[in-house]
Amino acid sequence: MYNIILTDDHQVVREGMKFLLSTTSDINVVEDFDSGAETLKYLETHHDEIHLVLIDLVMPEMDGIELTKLMKEKYKNIKVLVLSSYTSEEYIHPVFRAGADGYIIKEMEVDELIGSIKSVIEGDRVIHPDILKVIDKTGDMPHERNGLSKRETEVLKEIVKGKSNKEISEALFVSEKTVKTHVSHILNKLEVSDRTQAVIYAIKFNIIDF
């Protein structure tokens, strides 16, 4: 028997999912929650009992990306399967960088859903064909083609915090001239024209850890 948790901020969705999954004899929905915080609180004392968490992507306060990252940091043996209606690149790549084991869409058939859950628990990575199409089309983003160095990533993180070049130089113990060089490289690699656009890009595509 596979024990799973459902996390979705819409009760109707959770109830519908529980009903659909009740049609199979080897998947047991142990609990369902409307927030990432409640899910994490439950896992503190029940993580050994759970095989997989099926999560929505867009939720208030803590989205599916953040929840996935936190779960994978603490409970590496628990599988995370994202179930969402969103199929745009700005969600897909961050989900997998956070450590998700699969990404499927809410419009899929019941048999596909059940099969996906079982496959992920058994160790496979499951990605819906619609998601694969997006990955194939968008695998050529600037930050993927022009990877930032470790130091450039550190500088970008400070830029996102709103720090000036002088403040960054003090924080990273390098000269202000060196910071200016790194900033120039960052803008070129991300193909943006100024620091504000770099911040927007970094947040949108989740390319730094906060």
N, C-alpha and C. Protein backbone atom coordinates (compact mmCIF):
# COMPACT_ATOMS: atom_id res chain seq x y z
N MET A 1 0.84 -1.20 0.00
CA MET A 1 0.00 0.00 0.00
C MET A 1 0.88 1.25 0.00
N TYR A 2 0.58 2.17 -0.89
CA TYR A 2 1.32 3.42 -0.97
C TYR A 2 0.56 4.52 -0.22
N ASN A 3 1.23 5.16 0.71
CA ASN A 3 0.61 6.25 1.48
C ASN A 3 1.01 7.59 0.87
N ILE A 4 0.01 8.41 0.54
CA ILE A 4 0.31 9.71 -0.05
C ILE A 4 -0.44 10.82 0.66
N ILE A 5 0.04 12.04 0.43
CA ILE A 5 -0.59 13.26 0.96
C ILE A 5 -0.97 14.13 -0.24
N LEU A 6 -2.11 14.80 -0.14
CA LEU A 6 -2.53 15.77 -1.14
C LEU A 6 -2.39 17.17 -0.56
N THR A 7 -1.77 18.07 -1.30
CA THR A 7 -1.66 19.47 -0.86
C THR A 7 -2.15 20.37 -1.99
N ASP A 8 -3.29 21.01 -1.76
CA ASP A 8 -3.90 21.91 -2.75
C ASP A 8 -4.78 22.88 -1.98
N ASP A 9 -4.73 24.16 -2.34
CA ASP A 9 -5.50 25.14 -1.58
C ASP A 9 -6.98 25.16 -1.95
N HIS A 10 -7.40 24.34 -2.91
CA HIS A 10 -8.81 24.26 -3.27
C HIS A 10 -9.42 22.96 -2.73
N GLN A 11 -10.36 23.08 -1.82
CA GLN A 11 -10.96 21.91 -1.19
C GLN A 11 -11.67 21.02 -2.21
N VAL A 12 -12.33 21.63 -3.20
CA VAL A 12 -13.04 20.85 -4.20
C VAL A 12 -12.08 19.94 -4.95
N VAL A 13 -10.89 20.47 -5.25
CA VAL A 13 -9.88 19.68 -5.95
C VAL A 13 -9.43 18.51 -5.08
N ARG A 14 -9.17 18.80 -3.80
CA ARG A 14 -8.73 17.73 -2.89
C ARG A 14 -9.77 16.64 -2.75
N GLU A 15 -11.03 17.05 -2.58
CA GLU A 15 -12.09 16.06 -2.43
C GLU A 15 -12.24 15.23 -3.70
N GLY A 16 -12.13 15.88 -4.85
CA GLY A 16 -12.23 15.16 -6.11
C GLY A 16 -11.09 14.17 -6.29
N MET A 17 -9.89 14.60 -5.90
CA MET A 17 -8.72 13.72 -6.02
C MET A 17 -8.86 12.52 -5.09
N LYS A 18 -9.34 12.74 -3.88
CA LYS A 18 -9.52 11.64 -2.94
C LYS A 18 -10.52 10.62 -3.47
N PHE A 19 -11.58 11.14 -4.08
CA PHE A 19 -12.59 10.24 -4.64
C PHE A 19 -12.01 9.41 -5.78
N LEU A 20 -11.27 10.07 -6.68
CA LEU A 20 -10.68 9.37 -7.82
C LEU A 20 -9.68 8.31 -7.38
N LEU A 21 -8.85 8.66 -6.40
CA LEU A 21 -7.82 7.73 -5.95
C LEU A 21 -8.38 6.60 -5.11
N SER A 22 -9.60 6.77 -4.61
CA SER A 22 -10.22 5.70 -3.83
C SER A 22 -10.62 4.52 -4.71
N THR A 23 -10.55 4.72 -6.03
CA THR A 23 -10.91 3.63 -6.95
C THR A 23 -9.80 2.60 -7.08
N THR A 24 -8.62 2.92 -6.54
CA THR A 24 -7.52 1.96 -6.59
C THR A 24 -7.26 1.38 -5.21
N SER A 25 -6.86 0.13 -5.16
CA SER A 25 -6.72 -0.55 -3.87
C SER A 25 -5.34 -0.37 -3.23
N ASP A 26 -4.37 0.14 -3.99
CA ASP A 26 -3.02 0.23 -3.44
C ASP A 26 -2.50 1.64 -3.24
N ILE A 27 -3.38 2.64 -3.32
CA ILE A 27 -3.00 4.01 -2.99
C ILE A 27 -3.92 4.52 -1.89
N ASN A 28 -3.31 4.93 -0.79
CA ASN A 28 -4.06 5.40 0.37
C ASN A 28 -3.75 6.87 0.62
N VAL A 29 -4.77 7.73 0.48
CA VAL A 29 -4.60 9.15 0.79
C VAL A 29 -4.68 9.31 2.31
N VAL A 30 -3.53 9.46 2.93
CA VAL A 30 -3.47 9.51 4.40
C VAL A 30 -4.04 10.81 4.93
N GLU A 31 -3.64 11.92 4.32
CA GLU A 31 -4.10 13.24 4.75
C GLU A 31 -4.16 14.16 3.54
N ASP A 32 -4.91 15.25 3.68
CA ASP A 32 -4.88 16.30 2.66
C ASP A 32 -4.84 17.65 3.35
N PHE A 33 -4.08 18.58 2.76
CA PHE A 33 -3.88 19.90 3.37
C PHE A 33 -4.06 21.00 2.35
N ASP A 34 -4.42 22.20 2.85
CA ASP A 34 -4.61 23.32 1.93
C ASP A 34 -3.42 24.28 1.91
N SER A 35 -2.33 23.90 2.59
CA SER A 35 -1.15 24.77 2.60
C SER A 35 0.13 23.97 2.77
N GLY A 36 1.21 24.57 2.31
CA GLY A 36 2.52 23.94 2.47
C GLY A 36 2.94 23.86 3.92
N ALA A 37 2.59 24.89 4.70
CA ALA A 37 2.97 24.92 6.11
C ALA A 37 2.36 23.74 6.87
N GLU A 38 1.09 23.46 6.61
CA GLU A 38 0.43 22.34 7.29
C GLU A 38 1.05 21.01 6.87
N THR A 39 1.41 20.91 5.60
CA THR A 39 2.05 19.69 5.10
C THR A 39 3.36 19.44 5.82
N LEU A 40 4.19 20.47 5.93
CA LEU A 40 5.49 20.34 6.58
C LEU A 40 5.33 19.99 8.06
N LYS A 41 4.34 20.60 8.70
CA LYS A 41 4.10 20.33 10.12
C LYS A 41 3.73 18.86 10.32
N TYR A 42 2.89 18.34 9.44
CA TYR A 42 2.48 16.93 9.54
C TYR A 42 3.67 16.00 9.32
N LEU A 43 4.51 16.33 8.36
CA LEU A 43 5.65 15.47 8.03
C LEU A 43 6.69 15.41 9.15
N GLU A 44 6.70 16.40 10.00
CA GLU A 44 7.66 16.39 11.11
C GLU A 44 7.54 15.13 11.94
N THR A 45 6.32 14.63 12.09
CA THR A 45 6.10 13.45 12.94
C THR A 45 5.64 12.22 12.16
N HIS A 46 5.34 12.38 10.86
CA HIS A 46 4.82 11.24 10.10
C HIS A 46 5.59 10.96 8.82
N HIS A 47 6.77 11.55 8.68
CA HIS A 47 7.50 11.43 7.40
C HIS A 47 7.88 9.99 7.07
N ASP A 48 8.07 9.16 8.08
CA ASP A 48 8.45 7.77 7.81
C ASP A 48 7.31 6.95 7.20
N GLU A 49 6.09 7.47 7.31
CA GLU A 49 4.92 6.73 6.84
C GLU A 49 4.51 7.11 5.41
N ILE A 50 5.08 8.20 4.88
CA ILE A 50 4.61 8.75 3.61
C ILE A 50 5.55 8.41 2.46
N HIS A 51 4.96 7.95 1.37
CA HIS A 51 5.75 7.63 0.17
C HIS A 51 5.82 8.79 -0.81
N LEU A 52 4.73 9.56 -0.90
CA LEU A 52 4.68 10.60 -1.92
C LEU A 52 3.76 11.73 -1.48
N VAL A 53 4.12 12.96 -1.88
CA VAL A 53 3.24 14.11 -1.67
C VAL A 53 2.86 14.65 -3.05
N LEU A 54 1.56 14.72 -3.30
CA LEU A 54 1.04 15.25 -4.56
C LEU A 54 0.64 16.70 -4.30
N ILE A 55 1.32 17.63 -4.96
CA ILE A 55 1.12 19.04 -4.60
C ILE A 55 0.69 19.90 -5.79
N ASP A 56 -0.09 20.92 -5.46
CA ASP A 56 -0.45 21.95 -6.42
C ASP A 56 0.75 22.90 -6.53
N LEU A 57 0.80 23.66 -7.60
CA LEU A 57 1.95 24.53 -7.81
C LEU A 57 1.72 25.94 -7.28
N VAL A 58 0.58 26.52 -7.59
CA VAL A 58 0.31 27.90 -7.20
C VAL A 58 -0.61 27.91 -5.98
N MET A 59 -0.03 28.28 -4.84
CA MET A 59 -0.77 28.36 -3.58
C MET A 59 -0.34 29.61 -2.84
N PRO A 60 -1.22 30.19 -2.02
CA PRO A 60 -0.84 31.39 -1.26
C PRO A 60 0.20 31.07 -0.18
N GLU A 61 0.98 32.08 0.18
CA GLU A 61 1.98 32.01 1.25
C GLU A 61 3.18 31.15 0.89
N MET A 62 2.98 29.89 0.59
CA MET A 62 4.07 29.00 0.20
C MET A 62 3.65 28.24 -1.06
N ASP A 63 4.34 28.52 -2.17
CA ASP A 63 3.94 27.85 -3.41
C ASP A 63 4.56 26.46 -3.50
N GLY A 64 4.19 25.73 -4.55
CA GLY A 64 4.67 24.36 -4.69
C GLY A 64 6.16 24.24 -4.87
N ILE A 65 6.78 25.26 -5.45
CA ILE A 65 8.23 25.23 -5.66
C ILE A 65 8.96 25.29 -4.32
N GLU A 66 8.54 26.23 -3.48
CA GLU A 66 9.17 26.36 -2.15
C GLU A 66 8.91 25.12 -1.30
N LEU A 67 7.68 24.62 -1.37
CA LEU A 67 7.34 23.43 -0.59
C LEU A 67 8.17 22.24 -1.04
N THR A 68 8.31 22.08 -2.34
CA THR A 68 9.14 20.99 -2.87
C THR A 68 10.57 21.09 -2.37
N LYS A 69 11.13 22.27 -2.45
CA LYS A 69 12.52 22.47 -2.01
C LYS A 69 12.70 22.12 -0.54
N LEU A 70 11.78 22.59 0.30
CA LEU A 70 11.88 22.33 1.74
C LEU A 70 11.71 20.85 2.06
N MET A 71 10.79 20.19 1.37
CA MET A 71 10.58 18.76 1.61
C MET A 71 11.80 17.95 1.19
N LYS A 72 12.37 18.30 0.04
CA LYS A 72 13.52 17.55 -0.46
C LYS A 72 14.77 17.77 0.40
N GLU A 73 14.86 18.91 1.02
CA GLU A 73 15.99 19.18 1.91
C GLU A 73 15.91 18.33 3.18
N LYS A 74 14.70 18.10 3.68
CA LYS A 74 14.52 17.40 4.95
C LYS A 74 14.17 15.92 4.79
N TYR A 75 13.41 15.59 3.73
CA TYR A 75 12.90 14.23 3.57
C TYR A 75 13.21 13.71 2.17
N LYS A 76 14.43 13.33 1.95
CA LYS A 76 14.88 12.94 0.62
C LYS A 76 14.18 11.68 0.10
N ASN A 77 13.68 10.85 1.00
CA ASN A 77 13.04 9.61 0.57
C ASN A 77 11.59 9.78 0.14
N ILE A 78 11.00 10.92 0.47
CA ILE A 78 9.62 11.17 0.07
C ILE A 78 9.59 11.72 -1.35
N LYS A 79 8.80 11.11 -2.20
CA LYS A 79 8.69 11.57 -3.57
C LYS A 79 7.75 12.78 -3.65
N VAL A 80 8.04 13.67 -4.58
CA VAL A 80 7.20 14.85 -4.79
C VAL A 80 6.72 14.87 -6.23
N LEU A 81 5.41 14.85 -6.39
CA LEU A 81 4.80 14.89 -7.72
C LEU A 81 3.93 16.14 -7.81
N VAL A 82 4.26 17.01 -8.76
CA VAL A 82 3.50 18.25 -8.95
C VAL A 82 2.33 17.98 -9.89
N LEU A 83 1.15 18.42 -9.48
CA LEU A 83 -0.05 18.31 -10.30
C LEU A 83 -0.60 19.72 -10.49
N SER A 84 -0.50 20.23 -11.71
CA SER A 84 -0.84 21.63 -11.93
C SER A 84 -1.49 21.85 -13.28
N SER A 85 -2.12 23.01 -13.43
CA SER A 85 -2.67 23.41 -14.73
C SER A 85 -1.69 24.31 -15.47
N TYR A 86 -0.62 24.72 -14.78
CA TYR A 86 0.36 25.63 -15.38
C TYR A 86 1.41 24.86 -16.17
N THR A 87 1.62 25.29 -17.40
CA THR A 87 2.58 24.60 -18.27
C THR A 87 3.59 25.56 -18.88
N SER A 88 3.82 26.70 -18.26
CA SER A 88 4.78 27.66 -18.80
C SER A 88 6.17 27.44 -18.19
N GLU A 89 7.19 27.86 -18.92
CA GLU A 89 8.58 27.60 -18.54
C GLU A 89 8.94 28.19 -17.19
N GLU A 90 8.34 29.34 -16.86
CA GLU A 90 8.71 30.01 -15.60
C GLU A 90 8.36 29.17 -14.38
N TYR A 91 7.48 28.19 -14.53
CA TYR A 91 7.14 27.28 -13.43
C TYR A 91 7.90 25.96 -13.55
N ILE A 92 8.03 25.46 -14.76
CA ILE A 92 8.55 24.10 -14.96
C ILE A 92 9.99 23.93 -14.52
N HIS A 93 10.89 24.76 -15.01
CA HIS A 93 12.30 24.60 -14.66
C HIS A 93 12.56 24.79 -13.16
N PRO A 94 11.96 25.82 -12.51
CA PRO A 94 12.16 25.95 -11.06
C PRO A 94 11.67 24.75 -10.26
N VAL A 95 10.59 24.11 -10.74
CA VAL A 95 10.06 22.93 -10.05
C VAL A 95 11.10 21.82 -10.01
N PHE A 96 11.74 21.57 -11.14
CA PHE A 96 12.72 20.49 -11.19
C PHE A 96 14.03 20.88 -10.49
N ARG A 97 14.37 22.17 -10.53
CA ARG A 97 15.56 22.60 -9.78
C ARG A 97 15.32 22.42 -8.28
N ALA A 98 14.07 22.54 -7.85
CA ALA A 98 13.73 22.35 -6.43
C ALA A 98 13.78 20.89 -6.02
N GLY A 99 13.79 19.98 -7.01
CA GLY A 99 13.93 18.56 -6.70
C GLY A 99 12.72 17.69 -6.93
N ALA A 100 11.70 18.21 -7.64
CA ALA A 100 10.49 17.42 -7.88
C ALA A 100 10.81 16.16 -8.68
N ASP A 101 10.07 15.11 -8.39
CA ASP A 101 10.28 13.82 -9.07
C ASP A 101 9.37 13.66 -10.28
N GLY A 102 8.43 14.57 -10.46
CA GLY A 102 7.54 14.49 -11.60
C GLY A 102 6.66 15.71 -11.71
N TYR A 103 6.12 15.93 -12.89
CA TYR A 103 5.26 17.09 -13.15
C TYR A 103 4.16 16.63 -14.11
N ILE A 104 2.92 16.60 -13.63
CA ILE A 104 1.80 16.19 -14.46
C ILE A 104 0.72 17.27 -14.42
N ILE A 105 -0.26 17.18 -15.32
CA ILE A 105 -1.27 18.23 -15.41
C ILE A 105 -2.64 17.72 -14.96
N LYS A 106 -3.47 18.63 -14.50
CA LYS A 106 -4.77 18.27 -13.92
C LYS A 106 -5.76 17.76 -14.96
N GLU A 107 -5.46 18.02 -16.23
CA GLU A 107 -6.39 17.61 -17.28
C GLU A 107 -6.19 16.15 -17.71
N MET A 108 -5.27 15.43 -17.11
CA MET A 108 -4.98 14.07 -17.54
C MET A 108 -6.06 13.08 -17.06
N GLU A 109 -6.09 11.92 -17.72
CA GLU A 109 -7.07 10.89 -17.37
C GLU A 109 -6.74 10.25 -16.01
N VAL A 110 -7.77 9.68 -15.38
CA VAL A 110 -7.60 9.08 -14.05
C VAL A 110 -6.56 7.96 -14.08
N ASP A 111 -6.63 7.09 -15.08
CA ASP A 111 -5.68 5.98 -15.17
C ASP A 111 -4.25 6.48 -15.29
N GLU A 112 -4.07 7.58 -16.03
CA GLU A 112 -2.73 8.17 -16.18
C GLU A 112 -2.24 8.73 -14.85
N LEU A 113 -3.16 9.37 -14.13
CA LEU A 113 -2.81 9.93 -12.82
C LEU A 113 -2.35 8.84 -11.87
N ILE A 114 -3.13 7.79 -11.77
CA ILE A 114 -2.80 6.68 -10.88
C ILE A 114 -1.48 6.03 -11.30
N GLY A 115 -1.31 5.83 -12.60
CA GLY A 115 -0.06 5.25 -13.10
C GLY A 115 1.14 6.13 -12.81
N SER A 116 0.96 7.44 -12.92
CA SER A 116 2.05 8.38 -12.65
C SER A 116 2.47 8.34 -11.19
N ILE A 117 1.50 8.30 -10.30
CA ILE A 117 1.80 8.24 -8.87
C ILE A 117 2.60 6.99 -8.54
N LYS A 118 2.15 5.86 -9.05
CA LYS A 118 2.85 4.60 -8.78
C LYS A 118 4.25 4.61 -9.37
N SER A 119 4.39 5.12 -10.57
CA SER A 119 5.71 5.14 -11.23
C SER A 119 6.71 5.99 -10.47
N VAL A 120 6.26 7.15 -10.00
CA VAL A 120 7.15 8.04 -9.25
C VAL A 120 7.58 7.38 -7.94
N ILE A 121 6.64 6.78 -7.24
CA ILE A 121 6.96 6.10 -5.98
C ILE A 121 7.97 4.98 -6.20
N GLU A 122 7.85 4.32 -7.34
CA GLU A 122 8.74 3.20 -7.65
C GLU A 122 10.09 3.65 -8.22
N GLY A 123 10.28 4.97 -8.33
CA GLY A 123 11.60 5.47 -8.69
C GLY A 123 11.75 6.11 -10.05
N ASP A 124 10.68 6.17 -10.82
CA ASP A 124 10.76 6.79 -12.14
C ASP A 124 10.50 8.29 -12.04
N ARG A 125 11.04 9.03 -13.00
CA ARG A 125 10.68 10.44 -13.14
C ARG A 125 9.58 10.53 -14.18
N VAL A 126 8.46 11.14 -13.82
CA VAL A 126 7.31 11.21 -14.71
C VAL A 126 7.06 12.67 -15.11
N ILE A 127 7.07 12.92 -16.41
CA ILE A 127 6.82 14.26 -16.92
C ILE A 127 5.76 14.15 -18.02
N HIS A 128 4.67 14.87 -17.85
CA HIS A 128 3.59 14.82 -18.83
C HIS A 128 4.09 15.31 -20.19
N PRO A 129 3.62 14.71 -21.29
CA PRO A 129 4.06 15.12 -22.63
C PRO A 129 3.92 16.62 -22.90
N ASP A 130 2.87 17.26 -22.38
CA ASP A 130 2.70 18.70 -22.58
C ASP A 130 3.83 19.48 -21.91
N ILE A 131 4.30 18.97 -20.78
CA ILE A 131 5.41 19.62 -20.08
C ILE A 131 6.72 19.39 -20.84
N LEU A 132 6.89 18.20 -21.37
CA LEU A 132 8.09 17.89 -22.15
C LEU A 132 8.21 18.80 -23.36
N LYS A 133 7.09 19.10 -23.99
CA LYS A 133 7.11 19.99 -25.15
C LYS A 133 7.64 21.36 -24.78
N VAL A 134 7.21 21.85 -23.61
CA VAL A 134 7.67 23.17 -23.16
C VAL A 134 9.16 23.13 -22.84
N ILE A 135 9.60 22.06 -22.20
CA ILE A 135 11.02 21.92 -21.86
C ILE A 135 11.87 21.89 -23.14
N ASP A 136 11.40 21.16 -24.15
CA ASP A 136 12.13 21.07 -25.41
C ASP A 136 12.23 22.42 -26.09
N LYS A 137 11.17 23.23 -25.98
CA LYS A 137 11.14 24.52 -26.65
C LYS A 137 11.94 25.57 -25.90
N THR A 138 12.03 25.43 -24.58
CA THR A 138 12.60 26.51 -23.77
C THR A 138 13.92 26.12 -23.10
N GLY A 139 14.55 25.10 -23.60
CA GLY A 139 15.81 24.71 -22.98
C GLY A 139 16.98 25.59 -23.37
N ASP A 140 16.68 26.69 -24.06
CA ASP A 140 17.73 27.55 -24.56
C ASP A 140 17.62 28.95 -23.96
N MET A 141 17.23 29.01 -22.68
CA MET A 141 17.14 30.30 -21.99
C MET A 141 18.53 30.86 -21.76
N PRO A 142 18.66 32.20 -21.68
CA PRO A 142 19.98 32.81 -21.48
C PRO A 142 20.77 32.23 -20.31
N HIS A 143 20.11 32.03 -19.16
CA HIS A 143 20.84 31.53 -17.99
C HIS A 143 21.25 30.07 -18.15
N GLU A 144 20.61 29.35 -19.10
CA GLU A 144 20.99 27.97 -19.36
C GLU A 144 22.14 27.92 -20.36
N ARG A 145 22.10 28.82 -21.34
CA ARG A 145 23.19 28.88 -22.33
C ARG A 145 24.45 29.50 -21.75
N ASN A 146 24.25 30.47 -20.86
CA ASN A 146 25.38 31.23 -20.31
C ASN A 146 25.40 31.10 -18.80
N GLY A 147 25.79 29.95 -18.32
CA GLY A 147 25.76 29.69 -16.88
C GLY A 147 26.58 30.70 -16.08
N LEU A 148 26.00 31.17 -14.98
CA LEU A 148 26.71 32.10 -14.10
C LEU A 148 27.73 31.34 -13.25
N SER A 149 28.87 31.98 -13.03
CA SER A 149 29.87 31.39 -12.15
C SER A 149 29.39 31.49 -10.70
N LYS A 150 30.09 30.82 -9.80
CA LYS A 150 29.71 30.86 -8.40
C LYS A 150 29.75 32.29 -7.87
N ARG A 151 30.79 33.04 -8.22
CA ARG A 151 30.92 34.42 -7.76
C ARG A 151 29.85 35.32 -8.38
N GLU A 152 29.55 35.10 -9.64
CA GLU A 152 28.50 35.89 -10.29
C GLU A 152 27.15 35.64 -9.64
N THR A 153 26.91 34.39 -9.26
CA THR A 153 25.66 34.05 -8.58
C THR A 153 25.59 34.76 -7.23
N GLU A 154 26.71 34.82 -6.53
CA GLU A 154 26.76 35.51 -5.23
C GLU A 154 26.48 37.00 -5.41
N VAL A 155 27.06 37.58 -6.45
CA VAL A 155 26.83 39.01 -6.72
C VAL A 155 25.36 39.24 -7.07
N LEU A 156 24.80 38.38 -7.90
CA LEU A 156 23.40 38.52 -8.29
C LEU A 156 22.49 38.44 -7.07
N LYS A 157 22.82 37.56 -6.15
CA LYS A 157 22.02 37.43 -4.94
C LYS A 157 22.02 38.75 -4.16
N GLU A 158 23.17 39.41 -4.11
CA GLU A 158 23.26 40.69 -3.41
C GLU A 158 22.51 41.79 -4.16
N ILE A 159 22.53 41.71 -5.48
CA ILE A 159 21.77 42.68 -6.30
C ILE A 159 20.29 42.56 -6.01
N VAL A 160 19.82 41.32 -5.91
CA VAL A 160 18.41 41.08 -5.62
C VAL A 160 18.03 41.67 -4.26
N LYS A 161 18.98 41.69 -3.33
CA LYS A 161 18.74 42.26 -2.00
C LYS A 161 18.70 43.79 -2.04
N GLY A 162 19.03 44.37 -3.22
CA GLY A 162 18.99 45.82 -3.37
C GLY A 162 20.27 46.53 -3.00
N LYS A 163 21.37 45.81 -2.89
CA LYS A 163 22.63 46.41 -2.48
C LYS A 163 23.34 47.11 -3.64
N SER A 164 24.05 48.17 -3.31
CA SER A 164 24.85 48.90 -4.30
C SER A 164 26.16 48.16 -4.54
N ASN A 165 26.91 48.57 -5.55
CA ASN A 165 28.19 47.94 -5.82
C ASN A 165 29.13 48.03 -4.62
N LYS A 166 29.10 49.19 -3.95
CA LYS A 166 29.96 49.38 -2.77
C LYS A 166 29.57 48.41 -1.66
N GLU A 167 28.29 48.28 -1.42
CA GLU A 167 27.81 47.38 -0.37
C GLU A 167 28.12 45.92 -0.71
N ILE A 168 28.02 45.59 -2.00
CA ILE A 168 28.34 44.23 -2.43
C ILE A 168 29.83 43.95 -2.23
N SER A 169 30.66 44.93 -2.55
CA SER A 169 32.11 44.74 -2.39
C SER A 169 32.47 44.50 -0.94
N GLU A 170 31.78 45.19 -0.03
CA GLU A 170 32.03 45.02 1.40
C GLU A 170 31.53 43.65 1.88
N ALA A 171 30.39 43.22 1.34
CA ALA A 171 29.81 41.95 1.77
C ALA A 171 30.62 40.76 1.29
N LEU A 172 31.20 40.88 0.08
CA LEU A 172 31.92 39.75 -0.51
C LEU A 172 33.45 39.89 -0.41
N PHE A 173 33.90 40.99 0.20
CA PHE A 173 35.34 41.22 0.41
C PHE A 173 36.12 41.25 -0.90
N VAL A 174 35.57 41.97 -1.87
CA VAL A 174 36.26 42.20 -3.14
C VAL A 174 36.19 43.68 -3.45
N SER A 175 36.98 44.12 -4.42
CA SER A 175 36.99 45.54 -4.75
C SER A 175 35.71 45.93 -5.49
N GLU A 176 35.40 47.21 -5.45
CA GLU A 176 34.20 47.69 -6.14
C GLU A 176 34.37 47.53 -7.66
N LYS A 177 35.59 47.66 -8.13
CA LYS A 177 35.87 47.47 -9.56
C LYS A 177 35.55 46.03 -9.98
N THR A 178 35.92 45.09 -9.12
CA THR A 178 35.63 43.67 -9.41
C THR A 178 34.13 43.44 -9.45
N VAL A 179 33.40 44.06 -8.53
CA VAL A 179 31.94 43.92 -8.52
C VAL A 179 31.35 44.45 -9.82
N LYS A 180 31.84 45.62 -10.26
CA LYS A 180 31.33 46.20 -11.51
C LYS A 180 31.55 45.25 -12.69
N THR A 181 32.69 44.58 -12.68
CA THR A 181 32.99 43.61 -13.75
C THR A 181 32.00 42.45 -13.70
N HIS A 182 31.76 41.94 -12.49
CA HIS A 182 30.81 40.83 -12.33
C HIS A 182 29.41 41.24 -12.77
N VAL A 183 29.00 42.45 -12.39
CA VAL A 183 27.67 42.94 -12.76
C VAL A 183 27.54 43.01 -14.28
N SER A 184 28.58 43.50 -14.92
CA SER A 184 28.58 43.58 -16.39
C SER A 184 28.43 42.20 -17.02
N HIS A 185 29.16 41.22 -16.47
CA HIS A 185 29.08 39.85 -16.99
C HIS A 185 27.69 39.26 -16.78
N ILE A 186 27.10 39.55 -15.62
CA ILE A 186 25.76 39.04 -15.29
C ILE A 186 24.74 39.58 -16.28
N LEU A 187 24.78 40.88 -16.54
CA LEU A 187 23.84 41.50 -17.47
C LEU A 187 23.99 40.91 -18.87
N ASN A 188 25.23 40.69 -19.27
CA ASN A 188 25.48 40.11 -20.60
C ASN A 188 24.97 38.67 -20.68
N LYS A 189 25.25 37.90 -19.65
CA LYS A 189 24.86 36.49 -19.67
C LYS A 189 23.34 36.31 -19.61
N LEU A 190 22.67 37.16 -18.86
CA LEU A 190 21.22 37.06 -18.74
C LEU A 190 20.51 37.80 -19.87
N GLU A 191 21.30 38.52 -20.66
CA GLU A 191 20.78 39.27 -21.81
C GLU A 191 19.74 40.29 -21.38
N VAL A 192 20.08 41.04 -20.33
CA VAL A 192 19.22 42.12 -19.84
C VAL A 192 20.04 43.41 -19.86
N SER A 193 19.33 44.53 -19.78
CA SER A 193 20.03 45.81 -19.96
C SER A 193 20.38 46.54 -18.67
N ASP A 194 19.75 46.16 -17.56
CA ASP A 194 20.07 46.85 -16.31
C ASP A 194 19.85 45.94 -15.10
N ARG A 195 20.18 46.44 -13.94
CA ARG A 195 20.10 45.66 -12.70
C ARG A 195 18.67 45.27 -12.36
N THR A 196 17.73 46.18 -12.61
CA THR A 196 16.33 45.89 -12.30
C THR A 196 15.84 44.70 -13.11
N GLN A 197 16.17 44.68 -14.39
CA GLN A 197 15.78 43.55 -15.23
C GLN A 197 16.46 42.27 -14.78
N ALA A 198 17.69 42.38 -14.30
CA ALA A 198 18.40 41.20 -13.79
C ALA A 198 17.69 40.63 -12.57
N VAL A 199 17.21 41.52 -11.70
CA VAL A 199 16.48 41.09 -10.49
C VAL A 199 15.19 40.39 -10.89
N ILE A 200 14.46 40.98 -11.81
CA ILE A 200 13.20 40.39 -12.28
C ILE A 200 13.45 39.02 -12.89
N TYR A 201 14.49 38.93 -13.69
CA TYR A 201 14.84 37.66 -14.35
C TYR A 201 15.19 36.60 -13.30
N ALA A 202 16.01 36.97 -12.32
CA ALA A 202 16.46 36.03 -11.29
C ALA A 202 15.30 35.47 -10.50
N ILE A 203 14.34 36.34 -10.17
CA ILE A 203 13.18 35.92 -9.39
C ILE A 203 12.23 35.08 -10.24
N LYS A 204 11.99 35.54 -11.46
CA LYS A 204 11.05 34.84 -12.35
C LYS A 204 11.48 33.41 -12.62
N PHE A 205 12.79 33.21 -12.85
CA PHE A 205 13.27 31.89 -13.21
C PHE A 205 13.97 31.17 -12.05
N ASN A 206 13.87 31.76 -10.86
CA ASN A 206 14.34 31.09 -9.65
C ASN A 206 15.78 30.58 -9.80
N ILE A 207 16.66 31.46 -10.27
CA ILE A 207 18.03 31.01 -10.54
C ILE A 207 18.99 31.23 -9.39
N ILE A 208 18.49 31.77 -8.29
CA ILE A 208 19.33 31.89 -7.10
C ILE A 208 18.54 31.39 -5.89
N ASP A 209 19.25 30.98 -4.86
CA ASP A 209 18.62 30.54 -3.61
C ASP A 209 18.55 31.72 -2.67
N PHE A 210 17.37 31.97 -2.15
CA PHE A 210 17.22 33.09 -1.22
C PHE A 210 17.46 32.63 0.21
